[in-house]
Amino acid sequence: MTTPSTSAPPTLAEDLLLLLFQPDSGTIAGENTLFYVLGGAVLAQLGLEARVTTEKTKTGTVNMSAVADKAPSDEILRAAWASVQDKPRGVQTVLPAIGPTLRQPLIDRLVARGDLRQEKAKALGIFPTTALKDGPSGRRDELLADVRGVLVDGVAPAPRLAALTGLLSASGTLPQFDPSIPWNSAVYTRAEELERGDWGAAGAGEAVERTVMAMIVGNVTIATFALR
């Protein structure tokens, strides 16, 4: 899989992974649920771009279908779109199918953009390894400020930021962002609202986006809950 031009806008999954990166420790928060969360971000972007549709079945599960002739140019997004091109598939089936291969390609993209950097190191002073460090772009700080604005300051988010914040909440990692994002009852309540698709004031044209995001994020929450 090739790394796209750094002039292309970052995907939602890239932004989510960058937020989950913890500069102080060099680790990624929520590693044990990461593939579900990143998979959810890919599906969420397809939904925001109206490249897929979702439908709740009689049994309460959510199926996803590709919109014909709307294949993305981005390789990661296109692979996920193609996975539901032939027939509708349950979101709970798609998430584990696309998620496990996302981590490293997304890290490679973040390094290429300067959002992260890699340093050679030795585990236990013996074994060669690569350590992740915060990059020079400053983008993580910008994203964190945007999410804080939504959760703490009550900013009504645009659909993409609402999806990003909802997915971050669905990952179960929000307590790890304290004190940058204080972990308290007000933040918890607002995060839960975003997971349900309650973004606050928004135009009527966002009704479909809200529904799609709520279905996808809700499925990510279900998938990750048992692994937390």
Protein backbone atom coordinates (compact mmCIF):
# COMPACT_ATOMS: atom_id res chain seq x y z
CA MET A 1 0.00 0.00 0.00
CA THR A 2 1.48 3.31 -1.04
CA THR A 3 1.62 6.43 1.08
CA PRO A 4 -0.50 9.20 -0.46
CA SER A 5 0.83 12.64 -1.21
CA THR A 6 1.13 14.72 1.94
CA SER A 7 -0.81 17.42 0.07
CA ALA A 8 -3.94 15.24 0.35
CA PRO A 9 -6.08 16.00 3.41
CA PRO A 10 -5.54 13.56 6.27
CA THR A 11 -8.20 10.91 6.66
CA LEU A 12 -10.40 10.71 9.73
CA ALA A 13 -8.58 7.52 10.74
CA GLU A 14 -5.22 9.35 10.59
CA ASP A 15 -6.52 12.12 12.83
CA LEU A 16 -7.98 9.62 15.29
CA LEU A 17 -4.74 7.64 15.52
CA LEU A 18 -2.77 10.86 15.98
CA LEU A 19 -5.05 11.87 18.85
CA LEU A 20 -4.70 8.46 20.46
CA PHE A 21 -0.89 8.78 20.39
CA GLN A 22 0.39 9.75 23.83
CA PRO A 23 3.54 11.91 23.49
CA ASP A 24 4.71 11.46 27.08
CA SER A 25 4.94 7.68 26.82
CA GLY A 26 5.27 7.18 23.07
CA THR A 27 2.36 4.73 23.19
CA ILE A 28 -1.06 4.67 21.55
CA ALA A 29 -4.02 4.73 23.91
CA GLY A 30 -6.45 1.86 23.59
CA GLU A 31 -4.19 -0.54 21.72
CA ASN A 32 -6.36 -3.53 22.60
CA THR A 33 -9.40 -2.00 20.86
CA LEU A 34 -7.51 -0.02 18.24
CA PHE A 35 -8.45 -1.98 15.14
CA TYR A 36 -12.18 -1.59 15.85
CA VAL A 37 -11.78 2.15 16.42
CA LEU A 38 -9.67 2.77 13.32
CA GLY A 39 -12.01 0.63 11.25
CA GLY A 40 -14.89 2.70 12.55
CA ALA A 41 -13.11 5.90 11.50
CA VAL A 42 -12.70 4.57 7.96
CA LEU A 43 -16.37 3.63 7.77
CA ALA A 44 -17.35 6.98 9.28
CA GLN A 45 -15.46 8.86 6.59
CA LEU A 46 -17.16 6.80 3.90
CA GLY A 47 -20.47 7.75 5.50
CA LEU A 48 -19.59 11.45 5.71
CA GLU A 49 -18.66 11.41 2.03
CA ALA A 50 -21.93 9.60 1.16
CA ARG A 51 -20.00 6.68 -0.32
CA VAL A 52 -21.90 4.14 1.79
CA THR A 53 -25.37 3.83 3.24
CA THR A 54 -26.48 2.14 6.45
CA GLU A 55 -29.70 0.37 7.33
CA LYS A 56 -30.90 -1.16 10.58
CA THR A 57 -32.26 -4.66 10.12
CA LYS A 58 -35.28 -6.23 11.83
CA THR A 59 -32.94 -7.90 14.31
CA GLY A 60 -31.37 -4.56 15.28
CA THR A 61 -28.05 -5.05 13.50
CA VAL A 62 -26.72 -2.43 11.09
CA ASN A 63 -25.90 -3.29 7.47
CA MET A 64 -23.67 -1.18 5.25
CA SER A 65 -23.77 -0.94 1.46
CA ALA A 66 -21.47 0.82 -1.01
CA VAL A 67 -22.96 3.58 -3.15
CA ALA A 68 -22.40 2.63 -6.78
CA ASP A 69 -19.78 4.60 -8.74
CA LYS A 70 -18.52 6.42 -5.61
CA ALA A 71 -15.28 4.56 -5.00
CA PRO A 72 -12.75 6.74 -3.13
CA SER A 73 -9.33 7.44 -4.62
CA ASP A 74 -7.62 6.89 -1.25
CA GLU A 75 -6.42 3.27 -1.06
CA ILE A 76 -7.48 2.61 2.52
CA LEU A 77 -10.94 4.08 2.02
CA ARG A 78 -11.34 2.30 -1.31
CA ALA A 79 -10.52 -1.11 0.20
CA ALA A 80 -13.21 -0.62 2.85
CA TRP A 81 -15.73 0.60 0.26
CA ALA A 82 -14.99 -2.43 -1.91
CA SER A 83 -15.66 -4.76 1.03
CA VAL A 84 -19.36 -3.81 0.89
CA GLN A 85 -19.57 -3.26 -2.86
CA ASP A 86 -20.97 -6.65 -3.85
CA LYS A 87 -23.60 -6.94 -1.14
CA PRO A 88 -24.59 -5.33 2.16
CA ARG A 89 -22.58 -6.48 5.17
CA GLY A 90 -23.05 -5.98 8.87
CA VAL A 91 -20.92 -3.25 10.41
CA GLN A 92 -19.89 -5.70 13.13
CA THR A 93 -18.57 -7.96 10.34
CA VAL A 94 -16.80 -5.20 8.43
CA LEU A 95 -14.96 -3.70 11.42
CA PRO A 96 -12.79 -6.77 12.21
CA ALA A 97 -12.31 -7.41 8.49
CA ILE A 98 -10.75 -4.02 7.70
CA GLY A 99 -9.38 -2.88 11.06
CA PRO A 100 -6.38 -5.12 11.81
CA THR A 101 -4.35 -3.94 8.79
CA LEU A 102 -4.76 -0.20 9.39
CA ARG A 103 -2.35 0.67 12.21
CA GLN A 104 1.00 0.63 10.39
CA PRO A 105 -0.12 2.26 7.11
CA LEU A 106 -1.71 5.07 9.09
CA ILE A 107 1.43 5.53 11.18
CA ASP A 108 3.47 5.68 7.96
CA ARG A 109 1.20 8.43 6.69
CA LEU A 110 1.48 10.42 9.91
CA VAL A 111 5.27 10.15 9.81
CA ALA A 112 5.30 11.27 6.16
CA ARG A 113 3.23 14.32 7.09
CA GLY A 114 5.48 15.24 10.02
CA ASP A 115 2.71 14.61 12.54
CA LEU A 116 4.77 11.82 14.11
CA ARG A 117 8.43 10.89 13.90
CA GLN A 118 10.25 7.62 14.44
CA GLU A 119 13.48 7.13 16.36
CA LYS A 120 15.65 4.04 16.55
CA ALA A 121 15.90 2.69 20.07
CA LYS A 122 16.70 -0.52 21.97
CA ALA A 123 14.23 -2.39 24.11
CA LEU A 124 15.83 -3.47 27.42
CA GLY A 125 18.99 -1.88 26.08
CA ILE A 126 19.52 -4.80 23.71
CA PHE A 127 16.81 -5.36 21.12
CA PRO A 128 16.49 -2.87 18.23
CA THR A 129 13.11 -1.18 18.10
CA THR A 130 11.49 1.98 16.79
CA ALA A 131 10.04 4.58 19.14
CA LEU A 132 7.28 6.96 18.13
CA LYS A 133 7.64 10.63 19.02
CA ASP A 134 5.50 13.71 18.52
CA GLY A 135 6.25 15.33 15.17
CA PRO A 136 7.02 18.94 14.31
CA SER A 137 3.71 19.72 12.59
CA GLY A 138 1.82 20.56 15.79
CA ARG A 139 -1.30 18.94 14.35
CA ARG A 140 -2.01 16.78 17.39
CA ASP A 141 -2.24 19.84 19.62
CA GLU A 142 -4.66 21.42 17.14
CA LEU A 143 -6.88 18.34 17.08
CA LEU A 144 -6.82 18.07 20.86
CA ALA A 145 -7.87 21.72 21.15
CA ASP A 146 -10.75 21.13 18.72
CA VAL A 147 -12.00 18.10 20.67
CA ARG A 148 -11.65 19.96 23.96
CA GLY A 149 -13.73 22.76 22.49
CA VAL A 150 -16.55 20.31 21.78
CA LEU A 151 -16.42 18.40 25.05
CA VAL A 152 -15.51 21.16 27.50
CA ASP A 153 -16.48 24.49 25.94
CA GLY A 154 -19.73 23.37 24.30
CA VAL A 155 -18.72 24.18 20.72
CA ALA A 156 -21.22 22.75 18.20
CA PRO A 157 -19.01 20.63 15.93
CA ALA A 158 -19.07 20.21 12.18
CA PRO A 159 -19.89 16.62 11.14
CA ARG A 160 -16.26 15.51 10.76
CA LEU A 161 -15.24 16.83 14.19
CA ALA A 162 -18.38 15.31 15.71
CA ALA A 163 -17.42 11.93 14.25
CA LEU A 164 -13.83 12.27 15.47
CA THR A 165 -14.95 13.15 18.99
CA GLY A 166 -17.59 10.43 19.07
CA LEU A 167 -15.08 7.80 17.96
CA LEU A 168 -12.56 8.97 20.54
CA SER A 169 -15.25 8.53 23.18
CA ALA A 170 -16.21 5.11 21.78
CA SER A 171 -12.60 3.99 22.15
CA GLY A 172 -12.94 4.23 25.93
CA THR A 173 -9.73 6.24 26.23
CA LEU A 174 -11.06 9.68 27.19
CA PRO A 175 -10.00 9.37 30.86
CA GLN A 176 -6.39 9.16 29.66
CA PHE A 177 -6.62 12.69 28.24
CA ASP A 178 -7.12 14.29 31.64
CA PRO A 179 -6.12 17.05 32.45
CA SER A 180 -5.98 18.29 28.83
CA ILE A 181 -9.61 17.22 28.60
CA PRO A 182 -10.87 17.05 32.20
CA TRP A 183 -12.57 13.75 32.95
CA ASN A 184 -15.76 14.71 34.75
CA SER A 185 -19.49 14.09 34.56
CA ALA A 186 -20.12 16.95 32.11
CA VAL A 187 -17.52 15.65 29.65
CA TYR A 188 -18.82 12.11 30.05
CA THR A 189 -22.38 13.22 29.31
CA ARG A 190 -21.37 15.27 26.26
CA ALA A 191 -19.26 12.41 24.91
CA GLU A 192 -22.20 10.03 25.27
CA GLU A 193 -24.41 12.48 23.36
CA LEU A 194 -21.93 12.58 20.48
CA GLU A 195 -21.81 8.80 20.34
CA ARG A 196 -25.59 8.86 19.86
CA GLY A 197 -25.37 11.45 17.07
CA ASP A 198 -26.47 14.45 19.14
CA TRP A 199 -24.16 17.13 17.81
CA GLY A 200 -26.04 20.17 19.03
CA ALA A 201 -27.23 22.90 16.67
CA ALA A 202 -26.85 21.85 13.05
CA GLY A 203 -28.50 22.26 9.69
CA ALA A 204 -31.32 20.00 8.54
CA GLY A 205 -29.06 18.73 5.75
CA GLU A 206 -26.96 16.92 8.35
CA ALA A 207 -29.79 14.61 9.44
CA VAL A 208 -28.58 11.72 7.29
CA GLU A 209 -24.98 12.20 8.40
CA ARG A 210 -26.07 12.16 12.05
CA THR A 211 -27.93 8.89 11.56
CA VAL A 212 -25.06 7.19 9.73
CA MET A 213 -22.50 8.38 12.30
CA ALA A 214 -24.65 7.28 15.23
CA MET A 215 -25.01 3.80 13.73
CA ILE A 216 -21.28 3.43 13.03
CA VAL A 217 -20.05 4.91 16.31
CA GLY A 218 -22.62 2.90 18.23
CA ASN A 219 -21.28 -0.28 16.68
CA VAL A 220 -17.70 0.72 17.55
CA THR A 221 -18.80 1.25 21.15
CA ILE A 222 -20.39 -2.19 21.27
CA ALA A 223 -17.34 -3.82 19.69
CA THR A 224 -14.82 -2.19 22.01
CA PHE A 225 -16.76 -2.43 25.26
CA ALA A 226 -16.02 -6.10 25.87
CA LEU A 227 -12.30 -5.57 25.27
CA ARG A 228 -11.76 -2.62 27.61
